[in-house]
């Protein structure tokens, strides 16, 4: 017997925390530029990831 209840909606605080964590990870990604395992084609997008990460952190902080 399984109950088919609806999933709990995501709150504003949960969404803000998720944005903050994802943004923080995106800030750390450019530090991997010196690894040899990272292809040059991907490392060209690290600058964009950094600024998107900053925006996500600001959004997460605003939504907390």
Protein backbone atom coordinates (compact mmCIF):
# COMPACT_ATOMS: atom_id res chain seq x y z
CA UNK A 1 0.00 0.00 0.00
CA UNK A 2 1.70 3.18 -1.16
CA UNK A 3 0.56 6.67 -0.49
CA UNK A 4 0.66 8.94 -3.49
CA UNK A 5 0.92 12.29 -1.77
CA UNK A 6 2.18 15.31 -3.57
CA UNK A 7 5.79 16.31 -3.09
CA UNK A 8 6.47 19.15 -0.69
CA UNK A 9 6.96 22.45 -2.49
CA UNK A 10 10.38 24.05 -2.44
CA UNK A 11 10.45 27.02 -0.11
CA UNK A 12 12.15 30.32 -0.83
CA UNK A 13 14.79 29.58 1.82
CA UNK A 14 15.59 26.17 0.31
CA UNK A 15 15.91 27.68 -3.17
CA UNK A 16 18.14 30.42 -1.79
CA UNK A 17 20.38 27.90 -0.05
CA UNK A 18 20.66 25.81 -3.22
CA UNK A 19 21.60 28.92 -5.24
CA UNK A 20 24.20 29.87 -2.64
CA UNK A 21 25.82 26.41 -2.62
CA UNK A 22 25.84 26.11 -6.42
CA UNK A 23 27.29 29.61 -6.70
CA UNK A 24 30.02 28.79 -4.19
CA UNK A 25 30.98 25.66 -6.14
CA UNK A 26 31.07 27.71 -9.34
CA UNK A 27 33.46 30.16 -7.65
CA UNK A 28 35.83 27.29 -6.87
CA UNK A 29 35.82 25.81 -10.39
CA UNK A 30 38.27 28.37 -11.87
CA UNK A 31 40.88 27.15 -9.37
CA UNK A 32 40.99 23.89 -11.36
CA UNK A 33 42.50 25.72 -14.35
CA UNK A 34 46.01 24.47 -13.56
CA UNK A 35 45.08 20.78 -13.69
CA UNK A 36 46.26 18.92 -16.78
CA UNK A 37 43.10 16.79 -16.86
CA UNK A 38 40.90 19.79 -17.71
CA UNK A 39 40.68 20.35 -21.49
CA UNK A 40 41.58 23.81 -22.77
CA UNK A 41 38.20 24.15 -24.48
CA UNK A 42 36.39 23.87 -21.14
CA UNK A 43 38.77 26.09 -19.23
CA UNK A 44 37.93 29.01 -21.51
CA UNK A 45 34.49 29.18 -19.84
CA UNK A 46 35.87 29.46 -16.30
CA UNK A 47 35.55 33.26 -16.30
CA UNK A 48 31.87 33.05 -17.17
CA UNK A 49 31.34 30.42 -14.46
CA UNK A 50 32.97 32.71 -11.92
CA UNK A 51 30.60 35.61 -12.59
CA UNK A 52 27.53 33.38 -12.75
CA UNK A 53 28.65 31.94 -9.41
CA UNK A 54 28.82 35.45 -7.95
CA UNK A 55 25.31 36.18 -9.17
CA UNK A 56 23.99 32.92 -7.71
CA UNK A 57 25.58 33.69 -4.34
CA UNK A 58 23.98 37.13 -4.32
CA UNK A 59 20.61 35.62 -5.28
CA UNK A 60 20.95 32.97 -2.58
CA UNK A 61 21.84 35.59 0.02
CA UNK A 62 18.88 37.73 -1.03
CA UNK A 63 16.44 34.79 -0.82
CA UNK A 64 17.55 33.52 2.58
